[in-house]
Amino acid sequence: MQKLFYTVEEVMKVLNLGKNNVLELCRSKHKGFPAIQIKRKYLINVKLLNEWTDKITKDKTFQIIDHNKFN
């Protein structure tokens, strides 16, 4: 059976991002990031995550800003 959703930890591995960056994407829904929240847990749709990464790769405009650099 194929997975329908990734956990935050799985997305961290797939996208090679840290936990704070993945959580920021989940909270902000940046450019349509496909996360849903169930209670305190985020789940990310596998199929839509692949489509999202294709889209942002084509746009070439995606950037995660490290807000801590400015504090």
PDB file of N, CA and C in Angstrom:
ATOM      1  N   MET A   1       0.843  -1.182   0.000  1.00  0.00           N
ATOM      2  CA  MET A   1       0.000   0.000   0.000  1.00  0.00           C
ATOM      3  C   MET A   1       0.890   1.249   0.000  1.00  0.00           C
ATOM      4  N   GLN A   2       0.591   2.176  -0.893  1.00  0.00           N
ATOM      5  CA  GLN A   2       1.348   3.420  -0.966  1.00  0.00           C
ATOM      6  C   GLN A   2       0.896   4.388   0.105  1.00  0.00           C
ATOM      7  N   LYS A   3       1.853   5.164   0.600  1.00  0.00           N
ATOM      8  CA  LYS A   3       1.534   6.189   1.588  1.00  0.00           C
ATOM      9  C   LYS A   3       0.796   7.336   0.920  1.00  0.00           C
ATOM     10  N   LEU A   4      -0.205   7.849   1.597  1.00  0.00           N
ATOM     11  CA  LEU A   4      -0.921   9.025   1.116  1.00  0.00           C
ATOM     12  C   LEU A   4      -0.338  10.304   1.707  1.00  0.00           C
ATOM     13  N   PHE A   5       0.223  10.192   2.903  1.00  0.00           N
ATOM     14  CA  PHE A   5       0.734  11.359   3.606  1.00  0.00           C
ATOM     15  C   PHE A   5       2.116  11.080   4.187  1.00  0.00           C
ATOM     16  N   TYR A   6       2.934  12.132   4.205  1.00  0.00           N
ATOM     17  CA  TYR A   6       4.213  12.116   4.904  1.00  0.00           C
ATOM     18  C   TYR A   6       4.047  12.831   6.232  1.00  0.00           C
ATOM     19  N   THR A   7       4.883  12.459   7.188  1.00  0.00           N
ATOM     20  CA  THR A   7       5.001  13.221   8.422  1.00  0.00           C
ATOM     21  C   THR A   7       6.015  14.341   8.179  1.00  0.00           C
ATOM     22  N   VAL A   8       6.107  15.255   9.114  1.00  0.00           N
ATOM     23  CA  VAL A   8       7.094  16.332   9.018  1.00  0.00           C
ATOM     24  C   VAL A   8       8.502  15.734   8.925  1.00  0.00           C
ATOM     25  N   GLU A   9       8.780  14.717   9.729  1.00  0.00           N
ATOM     26  CA  GLU A   9      10.092  14.090   9.736  1.00  0.00           C
ATOM     27  C   GLU A   9      10.424  13.462   8.382  1.00  0.00           C
ATOM     28  N   GLU A  10       9.442  12.860   7.729  1.00  0.00           N
ATOM     29  CA  GLU A  10       9.677  12.269   6.409  1.00  0.00           C
ATOM     30  C   GLU A  10       9.942  13.346   5.359  1.00  0.00           C
ATOM     31  N   VAL A  11       9.208  14.453   5.443  1.00  0.00           N
ATOM     32  CA  VAL A  11       9.428  15.558   4.499  1.00  0.00           C
ATOM     33  C   VAL A  11      10.806  16.167   4.721  1.00  0.00           C
ATOM     34  N   MET A  12      11.265  16.213   5.954  1.00  0.00           N
ATOM     35  CA  MET A  12      12.605  16.703   6.239  1.00  0.00           C
ATOM     36  C   MET A  12      13.645  15.901   5.447  1.00  0.00           C
ATOM     37  N   LYS A  13      13.476  14.589   5.412  1.00  0.00           N
ATOM     38  CA  LYS A  13      14.411  13.723   4.695  1.00  0.00           C
ATOM     39  C   LYS A  13      14.259  13.865   3.185  1.00  0.00           C
ATOM     40  N   VAL A  14      13.013  13.899   2.714  1.00  0.00           N
ATOM     41  CA  VAL A  14      12.747  13.974   1.272  1.00  0.00           C
ATOM     42  C   VAL A  14      13.273  15.281   0.683  1.00  0.00           C
ATOM     43  N   LEU A  15      13.038  16.398   1.372  1.00  0.00           N
ATOM     44  CA  LEU A  15      13.428  17.705   0.853  1.00  0.00           C
ATOM     45  C   LEU A  15      14.780  18.188   1.381  1.00  0.00           C
ATOM     46  N   ASN A  16      15.369  17.396   2.271  1.00  0.00           N
ATOM     47  CA  ASN A  16      16.653  17.762   2.876  1.00  0.00           C
ATOM     48  C   ASN A  16      16.579  19.147   3.531  1.00  0.00           C
ATOM     49  N   LEU A  17      15.546  19.316   4.346  1.00  0.00           N
ATOM     50  CA  LEU A  17      15.327  20.565   5.082  1.00  0.00           C
ATOM     51  C   LEU A  17      15.286  20.265   6.569  1.00  0.00           C
ATOM     52  N   GLY A  18      15.537  21.274   7.361  1.00  0.00           N
ATOM     53  CA  GLY A  18      15.426  21.137   8.805  1.00  0.00           C
ATOM     54  C   GLY A  18      13.976  21.198   9.256  1.00  0.00           C
ATOM     55  N   LYS A  19      13.766  20.795  10.484  1.00  0.00           N
ATOM     56  CA  LYS A  19      12.411  20.742  11.033  1.00  0.00           C
ATOM     57  C   LYS A  19      11.751  22.119  11.054  1.00  0.00           C
ATOM     58  N   ASN A  20      12.495  23.157  11.450  1.00  0.00           N
ATOM     59  CA  ASN A  20      11.912  24.500  11.510  1.00  0.00           C
ATOM     60  C   ASN A  20      11.445  24.969  10.142  1.00  0.00           C
ATOM     61  N   ASN A  21      12.211  24.677   9.091  1.00  0.00           N
ATOM     62  CA  ASN A  21      11.808  25.079   7.745  1.00  0.00           C
ATOM     63  C   ASN A  21      10.558  24.344   7.283  1.00  0.00           C
ATOM     64  N   VAL A  22      10.481  23.055   7.570  1.00  0.00           N
ATOM     65  CA  VAL A  22       9.293  22.289   7.174  1.00  0.00           C
ATOM     66  C   VAL A  22       8.070  22.783   7.940  1.00  0.00           C
ATOM     67  N   LEU A  23       8.230  23.025   9.220  1.00  0.00           N
ATOM     68  CA  LEU A  23       7.102  23.544  10.010  1.00  0.00           C
ATOM     69  C   LEU A  23       6.667  24.914   9.525  1.00  0.00           C
ATOM     70  N   GLU A  24       7.623  25.747   9.128  1.00  0.00           N
ATOM     71  CA  GLU A  24       7.278  27.066   8.582  1.00  0.00           C
ATOM     72  C   GLU A  24       6.446  26.916   7.312  1.00  0.00           C
ATOM     73  N   LEU A  25       6.833  25.987   6.455  1.00  0.00           N
ATOM     74  CA  LEU A  25       6.051  25.730   5.241  1.00  0.00           C
ATOM     75  C   LEU A  25       4.646  25.260   5.585  1.00  0.00           C
ATOM     76  N   CYS A  26       4.544  24.362   6.554  1.00  0.00           N
ATOM     77  CA  CYS A  26       3.230  23.836   6.960  1.00  0.00           C
ATOM     78  C   CYS A  26       2.335  24.942   7.508  1.00  0.00           C
ATOM     79  N   ARG A  27       2.887  25.791   8.340  1.00  0.00           N
ATOM     80  CA  ARG A  27       2.100  26.853   8.979  1.00  0.00           C
ATOM     81  C   ARG A  27       1.686  27.936   7.991  1.00  0.00           C
ATOM     82  N   SER A  28       2.579  28.269   7.076  1.00  0.00           N
ATOM     83  CA  SER A  28       2.316  29.395   6.187  1.00  0.00           C
ATOM     84  C   SER A  28       1.573  29.005   4.919  1.00  0.00           C
ATOM     85  N   LYS A  29       1.576  27.712   4.590  1.00  0.00           N
ATOM     86  CA  LYS A  29       0.992  27.226   3.327  1.00  0.00           C
ATOM     87  C   LYS A  29       1.657  27.952   2.158  1.00  0.00           C
ATOM     88  N   HIS A  30       2.945  28.217   2.297  1.00  0.00           N
ATOM     89  CA  HIS A  30       3.705  28.985   1.319  1.00  0.00           C
ATOM     90  C   HIS A  30       3.545  28.416  -0.087  1.00  0.00           C
ATOM     91  N   LYS A  31       3.036  29.253  -0.984  1.00  0.00           N
ATOM     92  CA  LYS A  31       2.849  28.878  -2.393  1.00  0.00           C
ATOM     93  C   LYS A  31       2.111  27.544  -2.534  1.00  0.00           C
ATOM     94  N   GLY A  32       1.121  27.326  -1.667  1.00  0.00           N
ATOM     95  CA  GLY A  32       0.284  26.141  -1.790  1.00  0.00           C
ATOM     96  C   GLY A  32       0.863  24.870  -1.212  1.00  0.00           C
ATOM     97  N   PHE A  33       1.775  24.983  -0.252  1.00  0.00           N
ATOM     98  CA  PHE A  33       2.358  23.784   0.355  1.00  0.00           C
ATOM     99  C   PHE A  33       1.238  22.891   0.885  1.00  0.00           C
ATOM    100  N   PRO A  34       1.234  21.599   0.502  1.00  0.00           N
ATOM    101  CA  PRO A  34       0.074  20.714   0.739  1.00  0.00           C
ATOM    102  C   PRO A  34       0.023  20.060   2.114  1.00  0.00           C
ATOM    103  N   ALA A  35      -0.028  20.853   3.149  1.00  0.00           N
ATOM    104  CA  ALA A  35      -0.082  20.308   4.507  1.00  0.00           C
ATOM    105  C   ALA A  35      -1.468  20.484   5.105  1.00  0.00           C
ATOM    106  N   ILE A  36      -1.843  19.500   5.908  1.00  0.00           N
ATOM    107  CA  ILE A  36      -3.060  19.622   6.711  1.00  0.00           C
ATOM    108  C   ILE A  36      -2.659  19.436   8.166  1.00  0.00           C
ATOM    109  N   GLN A  37      -3.422  20.020   9.060  1.00  0.00           N
ATOM    110  CA  GLN A  37      -3.132  19.879  10.474  1.00  0.00           C
ATOM    111  C   GLN A  37      -4.264  19.111  11.132  1.00  0.00           C
ATOM    112  N   ILE A  38      -3.894  18.066  11.853  1.00  0.00           N
ATOM    113  CA  ILE A  38      -4.847  17.297  12.645  1.00  0.00           C
ATOM    114  C   ILE A  38      -4.363  17.376  14.084  1.00  0.00           C
ATOM    115  N   LYS A  39      -5.139  18.077  14.880  1.00  0.00           N
ATOM    116  CA  LYS A  39      -4.755  18.426  16.242  1.00  0.00           C
ATOM    117  C   LYS A  39      -3.415  19.134  16.195  1.00  0.00           C
ATOM    118  N   ARG A  40      -2.360  18.559  16.770  1.00  0.00           N
ATOM    119  CA  ARG A  40      -1.055  19.234  16.793  1.00  0.00           C
ATOM    120  C   ARG A  40      -0.084  18.652  15.775  1.00  0.00           C
ATOM    121  N   LYS A  41      -0.577  17.786  14.901  1.00  0.00           N
ATOM    122  CA  LYS A  41       0.295  17.095  13.955  1.00  0.00           C
ATOM    123  C   LYS A  41       0.015  17.553  12.522  1.00  0.00           C
ATOM    124  N   TYR A  42       1.082  17.780  11.766  1.00  0.00           N
ATOM    125  CA  TYR A  42       0.949  18.118  10.349  1.00  0.00           C
ATOM    126  C   TYR A  42       1.166  16.865   9.508  1.00  0.00           C
ATOM    127  N   LEU A  43       0.353  16.730   8.475  1.00  0.00           N
ATOM    128  CA  LEU A  43       0.520  15.672   7.480  1.00  0.00           C
ATOM    129  C   LEU A  43       0.608  16.334   6.118  1.00  0.00           C
ATOM    130  N   ILE A  44       1.486  15.795   5.270  1.00  0.00           N
ATOM    131  CA  ILE A  44       1.721  16.400   3.961  1.00  0.00           C
ATOM    132  C   ILE A  44       1.361  15.381   2.890  1.00  0.00           C
ATOM    133  N   ASN A  45       0.469  15.757   2.001  1.00  0.00           N
ATOM    134  CA  ASN A  45       0.001  14.883   0.932  1.00  0.00           C
ATOM    135  C   ASN A  45       1.159  14.555  -0.020  1.00  0.00           C
ATOM    136  N   VAL A  46       1.434  13.270  -0.201  1.00  0.00           N
ATOM    137  CA  VAL A  46       2.579  12.818  -0.995  1.00  0.00           C
ATOM    138  C   VAL A  46       2.454  13.263  -2.453  1.00  0.00           C
ATOM    139  N   LYS A  47       1.318  12.997  -3.061  1.00  0.00           N
ATOM    140  CA  LYS A  47       1.113  13.337  -4.470  1.00  0.00           C
ATOM    141  C   LYS A  47       1.203  14.849  -4.685  1.00  0.00           C
ATOM    142  N   LEU A  48       0.539  15.606  -3.811  1.00  0.00           N
ATOM    143  CA  LEU A  48       0.547  17.061  -3.951  1.00  0.00           C
ATOM    144  C   LEU A  48       1.911  17.658  -3.635  1.00  0.00           C
ATOM    145  N   LEU A  49       2.685  17.009  -2.749  1.00  0.00           N
ATOM    146  CA  LEU A  49       4.034  17.481  -2.472  1.00  0.00           C
ATOM    147  C   LEU A  49       4.900  17.358  -3.727  1.00  0.00           C
ATOM    148  N   ASN A  50       4.764  16.248  -4.448  1.00  0.00           N
ATOM    149  CA  ASN A  50       5.508  16.082  -5.697  1.00  0.00           C
ATOM    150  C   ASN A  50       5.114  17.144  -6.715  1.00  0.00           C
ATOM    151  N   GLU A  51       3.826  17.419  -6.831  1.00  0.00           N
ATOM    152  CA  GLU A  51       3.360  18.459  -7.748  1.00  0.00           C
ATOM    153  C   GLU A  51       3.864  19.834  -7.308  1.00  0.00           C
ATOM    154  N   TRP A  52       3.860  20.101  -6.002  1.00  0.00           N
ATOM    155  CA  TRP A  52       4.319  21.373  -5.462  1.00  0.00           C
ATOM    156  C   TRP A  52       5.797  21.584  -5.763  1.00  0.00           C
ATOM    157  N   THR A  53       6.615  20.548  -5.549  1.00  0.00           N
ATOM    158  CA  THR A  53       8.044  20.688  -5.820  1.00  0.00           C
ATOM    159  C   THR A  53       8.299  20.898  -7.307  1.00  0.00           C
ATOM    160  N   ASP A  54       7.524  20.228  -8.170  1.00  0.00           N
ATOM    161  CA  ASP A  54       7.650  20.469  -9.615  1.00  0.00           C
ATOM    162  C   ASP A  54       7.335  21.923  -9.948  1.00  0.00           C
ATOM    163  N   LYS A  55       6.273  22.436  -9.352  1.00  0.00           N
ATOM    164  CA  LYS A  55       5.835  23.811  -9.629  1.00  0.00           C
ATOM    165  C   LYS A  55       6.874  24.835  -9.180  1.00  0.00           C
ATOM    166  N   ILE A  56       7.368  24.699  -7.954  1.00  0.00           N
ATOM    167  CA  ILE A  56       8.316  25.697  -7.469  1.00  0.00           C
ATOM    168  C   ILE A  56       9.661  25.583  -8.186  1.00  0.00           C
ATOM    169  N   THR A  57       9.991  24.391  -8.658  1.00  0.00           N
ATOM    170  CA  THR A  57      11.227  24.225  -9.425  1.00  0.00           C
ATOM    171  C   THR A  57      11.116  24.944 -10.762  1.00  0.00           C
ATOM    172  N   LYS A  58       9.946  24.860 -11.386  1.00  0.00           N
ATOM    173  CA  LYS A  58       9.722  25.552 -12.657  1.00  0.00           C
ATOM    174  C   LYS A  58       9.681  27.062 -12.462  1.00  0.00           C
ATOM    175  N   ASP A  59       9.068  27.511 -11.348  1.00  0.00           N
ATOM    176  CA  ASP A  59       8.963  28.949 -11.061  1.00  0.00           C
ATOM    177  C   ASP A  59      10.325  29.564 -10.751  1.00  0.00           C
ATOM    178  N   LYS A  60      11.182  28.797 -10.124  1.00  0.00           N
ATOM    179  CA  LYS A  60      12.516  29.248  -9.711  1.00  0.00           C
ATOM    180  C   LYS A  60      12.463  30.502  -8.846  1.00  0.00           C
ATOM    181  N   THR A  61      11.374  30.686  -8.127  1.00  0.00           N
ATOM    182  CA  THR A  61      11.250  31.869  -7.283  1.00  0.00           C
ATOM    183  C   THR A  61      11.146  31.520  -5.806  1.00  0.00           C
ATOM    184  N   PHE A  62      11.183  30.245  -5.491  1.00  0.00           N
ATOM    185  CA  PHE A  62      10.978  29.824  -4.111  1.00  0.00           C
ATOM    186  C   PHE A  62      12.231  30.050  -3.274  1.00  0.00           C
ATOM    187  N   GLN A  63      12.034  30.596  -2.069  1.00  0.00           N
ATOM    188  CA  GLN A  63      13.144  30.792  -1.158  1.00  0.00           C
ATOM    189  C   GLN A  63      12.601  30.808   0.252  1.00  0.00           C
ATOM    190  N   ILE A  64      13.240  30.056   1.127  1.00  0.00           N
ATOM    191  CA  ILE A  64      12.900  30.115   2.542  1.00  0.00           C
ATOM    192  C   ILE A  64      13.811  31.155   3.157  1.00  0.00           C
ATOM    193  N   ILE A  65      13.228  32.120   3.826  1.00  0.00           N
ATOM    194  CA  ILE A  65      14.006  33.190   4.451  1.00  0.00           C
ATOM    195  C   ILE A  65      14.250  32.814   5.899  1.00  0.00           C
ATOM    196  N   ASP A  66      15.487  32.875   6.298  1.00  0.00           N
ATOM    197  CA  ASP A  66      15.854  32.624   7.693  1.00  0.00           C
ATOM    198  C   ASP A  66      15.664  33.925   8.458  1.00  0.00           C
ATOM    199  N   HIS A  67      14.541  34.035   9.146  1.00  0.00           N
ATOM    200  CA  HIS A  67      14.226  35.258   9.872  1.00  0.00           C
ATOM    201  C   HIS A  67      15.159  35.490  11.042  1.00  0.00           C
ATOM    202  N   ASN A  68      15.814  34.438  11.529  1.00  0.00           N
ATOM    203  CA  ASN A  68      16.733  34.589  12.659  1.00  0.00           C
ATOM    204  C   ASN A  68      17.966  35.405  12.277  1.00  0.00           C
ATOM    205  N   LYS A  69      18.298  35.475  11.010  1.00  0.00           N
ATOM    206  CA  LYS A  69      19.460  36.252  10.590  1.00  0.00           C
ATOM    207  C   LYS A  69      19.240  37.746  10.796  1.00  0.00           C
ATOM    208  N   PHE A  70      17.982  38.141  10.865  1.00  0.00           N
ATOM    209  CA  PHE A  70      17.672  39.554  10.965  1.00  0.00           C
ATOM    210  C   PHE A  70      17.415  40.013  12.399  1.00  0.00           C
ATOM    211  N   ASN A  71      17.439  39.094  13.342  1.00  0.00           N
ATOM    212  CA  ASN A  71      17.176  39.446  14.746  1.00  0.00           C
ATOM    213  C   ASN A  71      18.457  39.643  15.522  1.00  0.00           C
TER     214      ASN A  71
END
